[in-house]
Amino acid sequence: MTLANATIIFALLILLAIVAMLFLGSRFKRNKTLSPLTGLALALIVAGIFFGDNRMLGFSLLGAGIILAVSDIMIKARNNRNAEKDRQQAAFGKR
């Protein structure tokens, strides 16, 4: 893969991300910020795509980004479950 091809692919991914954010942003009015872990995962995934010519480096960065993204999803799911549990206890009284 030449640098020109990598640049075109990178530009298309950025364009796709912008379109997705605009589409999803219009559906959800709540402000959601990226956590630092999510930002780092996204940066590693983009760097893995960008450094795809060197397979060892590219796949390592992609793998690390995916692991961080999955761990962030698990942390947020646990926090949401605990928050929902607290809301239910507050609404129905502690038992």
N, C-alpha and C. Protein backbone atom coordinates (compact mmCIF):
# COMPACT_ATOMS: atom_id res chain seq x y z
N MET A 1 0.86 -1.17 0.00
CA MET A 1 0.00 0.00 0.00
C MET A 1 0.90 1.23 0.00
N THR A 2 0.67 2.11 -0.95
CA THR A 2 1.47 3.31 -1.04
C THR A 2 0.92 4.37 -0.10
N LEU A 3 1.70 5.41 0.05
CA LEU A 3 1.29 6.50 0.93
C LEU A 3 0.04 7.19 0.39
N ALA A 4 -0.07 7.28 -0.93
CA ALA A 4 -1.25 7.91 -1.53
C ALA A 4 -2.51 7.10 -1.22
N ASN A 5 -2.42 5.77 -1.33
CA ASN A 5 -3.57 4.93 -1.01
C ASN A 5 -3.94 5.03 0.46
N ALA A 6 -2.93 5.04 1.32
CA ALA A 6 -3.18 5.15 2.76
C ALA A 6 -3.83 6.49 3.09
N THR A 7 -3.39 7.54 2.41
CA THR A 7 -3.96 8.87 2.64
C THR A 7 -5.42 8.91 2.20
N ILE A 8 -5.71 8.31 1.07
CA ILE A 8 -7.10 8.28 0.59
C ILE A 8 -7.98 7.50 1.54
N ILE A 9 -7.50 6.35 2.00
CA ILE A 9 -8.28 5.54 2.94
C ILE A 9 -8.49 6.30 4.25
N PHE A 10 -7.45 6.96 4.74
CA PHE A 10 -7.56 7.74 5.97
C PHE A 10 -8.56 8.87 5.81
N ALA A 11 -8.52 9.58 4.67
CA ALA A 11 -9.46 10.68 4.43
C ALA A 11 -10.89 10.16 4.35
N LEU A 12 -11.09 9.02 3.72
CA LEU A 12 -12.43 8.45 3.64
C LEU A 12 -12.95 8.01 5.01
N LEU A 13 -12.07 7.47 5.84
CA LEU A 13 -12.48 7.09 7.20
C LEU A 13 -12.87 8.32 8.01
N ILE A 14 -12.12 9.39 7.87
CA ILE A 14 -12.45 10.64 8.58
C ILE A 14 -13.80 11.17 8.09
N LEU A 15 -14.02 11.14 6.79
CA LEU A 15 -15.28 11.60 6.23
C LEU A 15 -16.44 10.75 6.72
N LEU A 16 -16.25 9.44 6.75
CA LEU A 16 -17.28 8.53 7.25
C LEU A 16 -17.58 8.81 8.72
N ALA A 17 -16.55 9.06 9.51
CA ALA A 17 -16.75 9.36 10.93
C ALA A 17 -17.52 10.66 11.11
N ILE A 18 -17.22 11.66 10.30
CA ILE A 18 -17.93 12.94 10.40
C ILE A 18 -19.40 12.77 10.03
N VAL A 19 -19.68 12.03 8.97
CA VAL A 19 -21.07 11.80 8.57
C VAL A 19 -21.81 11.02 9.65
N ALA A 20 -21.16 10.01 10.23
CA ALA A 20 -21.79 9.24 11.29
C ALA A 20 -22.09 10.10 12.51
N MET A 21 -21.15 10.97 12.88
CA MET A 21 -21.38 11.85 14.03
C MET A 21 -22.51 12.83 13.76
N LEU A 22 -22.59 13.35 12.55
CA LEU A 22 -23.69 14.26 12.22
C LEU A 22 -25.03 13.54 12.26
N PHE A 23 -25.07 12.33 11.74
CA PHE A 23 -26.31 11.56 11.74
C PHE A 23 -26.73 11.20 13.16
N LEU A 24 -25.80 10.67 13.93
CA LEU A 24 -26.13 10.27 15.30
C LEU A 24 -26.33 11.47 16.20
N GLY A 25 -25.63 12.55 15.93
CA GLY A 25 -25.77 13.76 16.74
C GLY A 25 -27.14 14.38 16.62
N SER A 26 -27.77 14.23 15.46
CA SER A 26 -29.10 14.79 15.29
C SER A 26 -30.16 13.95 16.00
N ARG A 27 -29.87 12.67 16.23
CA ARG A 27 -30.84 11.80 16.89
C ARG A 27 -30.78 11.91 18.41
N PHE A 28 -29.60 12.12 18.94
CA PHE A 28 -29.42 12.18 20.39
C PHE A 28 -29.04 13.60 20.78
N LYS A 29 -29.86 14.22 21.59
CA LYS A 29 -29.61 15.61 21.98
C LYS A 29 -28.71 15.72 23.21
N ARG A 30 -28.53 14.61 23.93
CA ARG A 30 -27.74 14.64 25.15
C ARG A 30 -26.27 14.79 24.79
N ASN A 31 -25.57 15.65 25.50
CA ASN A 31 -24.15 15.83 25.27
C ASN A 31 -23.38 14.67 25.86
N LYS A 32 -22.65 13.97 25.02
CA LYS A 32 -21.82 12.86 25.48
C LYS A 32 -20.38 13.20 25.14
N THR A 33 -19.55 13.17 26.13
CA THR A 33 -18.14 13.44 25.89
C THR A 33 -17.38 12.12 25.88
N LEU A 34 -16.28 12.11 25.17
CA LEU A 34 -15.44 10.93 25.14
C LEU A 34 -14.62 10.86 26.42
N SER A 35 -14.54 9.69 26.98
CA SER A 35 -13.67 9.51 28.13
C SER A 35 -12.23 9.45 27.63
N PRO A 36 -11.27 9.71 28.50
CA PRO A 36 -9.87 9.64 28.06
C PRO A 36 -9.49 8.26 27.52
N LEU A 37 -10.07 7.22 28.10
CA LEU A 37 -9.77 5.86 27.62
C LEU A 37 -10.32 5.65 26.21
N THR A 38 -11.49 6.18 25.94
CA THR A 38 -12.08 6.08 24.60
C THR A 38 -11.25 6.86 23.59
N GLY A 39 -10.80 8.04 23.97
CA GLY A 39 -9.97 8.84 23.08
C GLY A 39 -8.66 8.16 22.75
N LEU A 40 -8.06 7.54 23.76
CA LEU A 40 -6.81 6.82 23.53
C LEU A 40 -7.03 5.61 22.63
N ALA A 41 -8.14 4.91 22.84
CA ALA A 41 -8.46 3.75 21.99
C ALA A 41 -8.67 4.18 20.55
N LEU A 42 -9.38 5.27 20.35
CA LEU A 42 -9.61 5.78 19.00
C LEU A 42 -8.30 6.20 18.35
N ALA A 43 -7.43 6.86 19.10
CA ALA A 43 -6.14 7.28 18.56
C ALA A 43 -5.28 6.07 18.17
N LEU A 44 -5.30 5.03 18.99
CA LEU A 44 -4.52 3.83 18.66
C LEU A 44 -5.06 3.12 17.43
N ILE A 45 -6.37 3.08 17.28
CA ILE A 45 -6.97 2.43 16.11
C ILE A 45 -6.63 3.21 14.85
N VAL A 46 -6.74 4.53 14.90
CA VAL A 46 -6.40 5.34 13.74
C VAL A 46 -4.91 5.21 13.41
N ALA A 47 -4.06 5.20 14.44
CA ALA A 47 -2.63 5.02 14.20
C ALA A 47 -2.34 3.65 13.62
N GLY A 48 -3.07 2.63 14.06
CA GLY A 48 -2.89 1.29 13.51
C GLY A 48 -3.26 1.23 12.04
N ILE A 49 -4.30 1.96 11.66
CA ILE A 49 -4.68 2.02 10.25
C ILE A 49 -3.63 2.79 9.46
N PHE A 50 -3.17 3.88 10.04
CA PHE A 50 -2.19 4.72 9.35
C PHE A 50 -0.86 3.99 9.16
N PHE A 51 -0.43 3.23 10.16
CA PHE A 51 0.83 2.50 10.08
C PHE A 51 0.60 1.06 9.61
N GLY A 52 -0.36 0.85 8.75
CA GLY A 52 -0.70 -0.48 8.27
C GLY A 52 0.35 -1.11 7.38
N ASP A 53 1.25 -0.30 6.82
CA ASP A 53 2.31 -0.85 5.97
C ASP A 53 3.22 -1.77 6.77
N ASN A 54 3.54 -1.38 7.98
CA ASN A 54 4.34 -2.21 8.87
C ASN A 54 3.34 -3.08 9.65
N ARG A 55 3.17 -4.31 9.23
CA ARG A 55 2.10 -5.15 9.78
C ARG A 55 2.21 -5.34 11.28
N MET A 56 3.41 -5.56 11.78
CA MET A 56 3.57 -5.80 13.21
C MET A 56 3.11 -4.58 14.01
N LEU A 57 3.56 -3.42 13.61
CA LEU A 57 3.18 -2.19 14.32
C LEU A 57 1.70 -1.89 14.14
N GLY A 58 1.20 -2.00 12.90
CA GLY A 58 -0.20 -1.67 12.63
C GLY A 58 -1.16 -2.56 13.39
N PHE A 59 -0.92 -3.88 13.33
CA PHE A 59 -1.82 -4.80 14.03
C PHE A 59 -1.68 -4.67 15.55
N SER A 60 -0.48 -4.36 16.04
CA SER A 60 -0.31 -4.16 17.48
C SER A 60 -1.11 -2.96 17.96
N LEU A 61 -1.04 -1.86 17.20
CA LEU A 61 -1.78 -0.67 17.58
C LEU A 61 -3.29 -0.90 17.49
N LEU A 62 -3.72 -1.59 16.44
CA LEU A 62 -5.15 -1.91 16.32
C LEU A 62 -5.62 -2.79 17.48
N GLY A 63 -4.84 -3.80 17.80
CA GLY A 63 -5.20 -4.69 18.90
C GLY A 63 -5.28 -3.97 20.23
N ALA A 64 -4.30 -3.11 20.50
CA ALA A 64 -4.32 -2.35 21.75
C ALA A 64 -5.52 -1.41 21.80
N GLY A 65 -5.85 -0.79 20.67
CA GLY A 65 -7.01 0.10 20.62
C GLY A 65 -8.31 -0.63 20.86
N ILE A 66 -8.43 -1.82 20.28
CA ILE A 66 -9.65 -2.61 20.46
C ILE A 66 -9.77 -3.08 21.91
N ILE A 67 -8.67 -3.50 22.50
CA ILE A 67 -8.70 -3.93 23.91
C ILE A 67 -9.12 -2.78 24.81
N LEU A 68 -8.56 -1.58 24.57
CA LEU A 68 -8.94 -0.42 25.38
C LEU A 68 -10.41 -0.05 25.16
N ALA A 69 -10.89 -0.14 23.93
CA ALA A 69 -12.29 0.19 23.66
C ALA A 69 -13.24 -0.78 24.36
N VAL A 70 -12.92 -2.06 24.31
CA VAL A 70 -13.77 -3.07 24.96
C VAL A 70 -13.74 -2.87 26.48
N SER A 71 -12.58 -2.58 27.03
CA SER A 71 -12.51 -2.37 28.48
C SER A 71 -13.29 -1.12 28.88
N ASP A 72 -13.27 -0.09 28.06
CA ASP A 72 -14.05 1.11 28.35
C ASP A 72 -15.54 0.82 28.29
N ILE A 73 -15.96 0.01 27.33
CA ILE A 73 -17.37 -0.37 27.24
C ILE A 73 -17.79 -1.14 28.48
N MET A 74 -16.94 -2.05 28.94
CA MET A 74 -17.27 -2.83 30.13
C MET A 74 -17.35 -1.94 31.37
N ILE A 75 -16.45 -0.99 31.50
CA ILE A 75 -16.47 -0.06 32.65
C ILE A 75 -17.74 0.77 32.63
N LYS A 76 -18.12 1.30 31.46
CA LYS A 76 -19.33 2.11 31.36
C LYS A 76 -20.58 1.28 31.63
N ALA A 77 -20.60 0.04 31.15
CA ALA A 77 -21.76 -0.82 31.40
C ALA A 77 -21.92 -1.10 32.89
N ARG A 78 -20.81 -1.36 33.58
CA ARG A 78 -20.87 -1.61 35.02
C ARG A 78 -21.35 -0.37 35.76
N ASN A 79 -20.86 0.81 35.36
CA ASN A 79 -21.28 2.05 36.01
C ASN A 79 -22.76 2.33 35.76
N ASN A 80 -23.24 2.05 34.53
CA ASN A 80 -24.65 2.26 34.23
C ASN A 80 -25.53 1.30 35.00
N ARG A 81 -25.09 0.06 35.15
CA ARG A 81 -25.86 -0.94 35.91
C ARG A 81 -25.95 -0.51 37.37
N ASN A 82 -24.84 -0.03 37.94
CA ASN A 82 -24.86 0.41 39.33
C ASN A 82 -25.73 1.65 39.50
N ALA A 83 -25.70 2.56 38.53
CA ALA A 83 -26.53 3.76 38.61
C ALA A 83 -28.01 3.40 38.51
N GLU A 84 -28.35 2.46 37.64
CA GLU A 84 -29.74 2.03 37.51
C GLU A 84 -30.21 1.36 38.79
N LYS A 85 -29.36 0.57 39.38
CA LYS A 85 -29.70 -0.09 40.65
C LYS A 85 -29.95 0.94 41.74
N ASP A 86 -29.11 1.98 41.80
CA ASP A 86 -29.29 3.04 42.79
C ASP A 86 -30.59 3.81 42.56
N ARG A 87 -30.93 4.06 41.29
CA ARG A 87 -32.19 4.76 40.99
C ARG A 87 -33.39 3.93 41.42
N GLN A 88 -33.33 2.63 41.18
CA GLN A 88 -34.44 1.76 41.58
C GLN A 88 -34.58 1.72 43.09
N GLN A 89 -33.46 1.67 43.81
CA GLN A 89 -33.53 1.65 45.27
C GLN A 89 -34.06 2.97 45.80
N ALA A 90 -33.71 4.07 45.16
CA ALA A 90 -34.19 5.37 45.61
C ALA A 90 -35.68 5.50 45.34
N ALA A 91 -36.14 4.95 44.22
CA ALA A 91 -37.55 5.09 43.86
C ALA A 91 -38.45 4.19 44.73
N PHE A 92 -38.01 2.99 45.03
CA PHE A 92 -38.84 2.05 45.77
C PHE A 92 -38.44 1.91 47.23
N GLY A 93 -37.47 2.64 47.65
CA GLY A 93 -37.00 2.52 49.02
C GLY A 93 -36.08 1.33 49.17
N LYS A 94 -35.14 1.44 50.06
CA LYS A 94 -34.19 0.34 50.26
C LYS A 94 -34.89 -0.83 50.94
N ARG A 95 -34.57 -2.01 50.47
CA ARG A 95 -35.19 -3.20 51.04
C ARG A 95 -34.19 -4.02 51.77
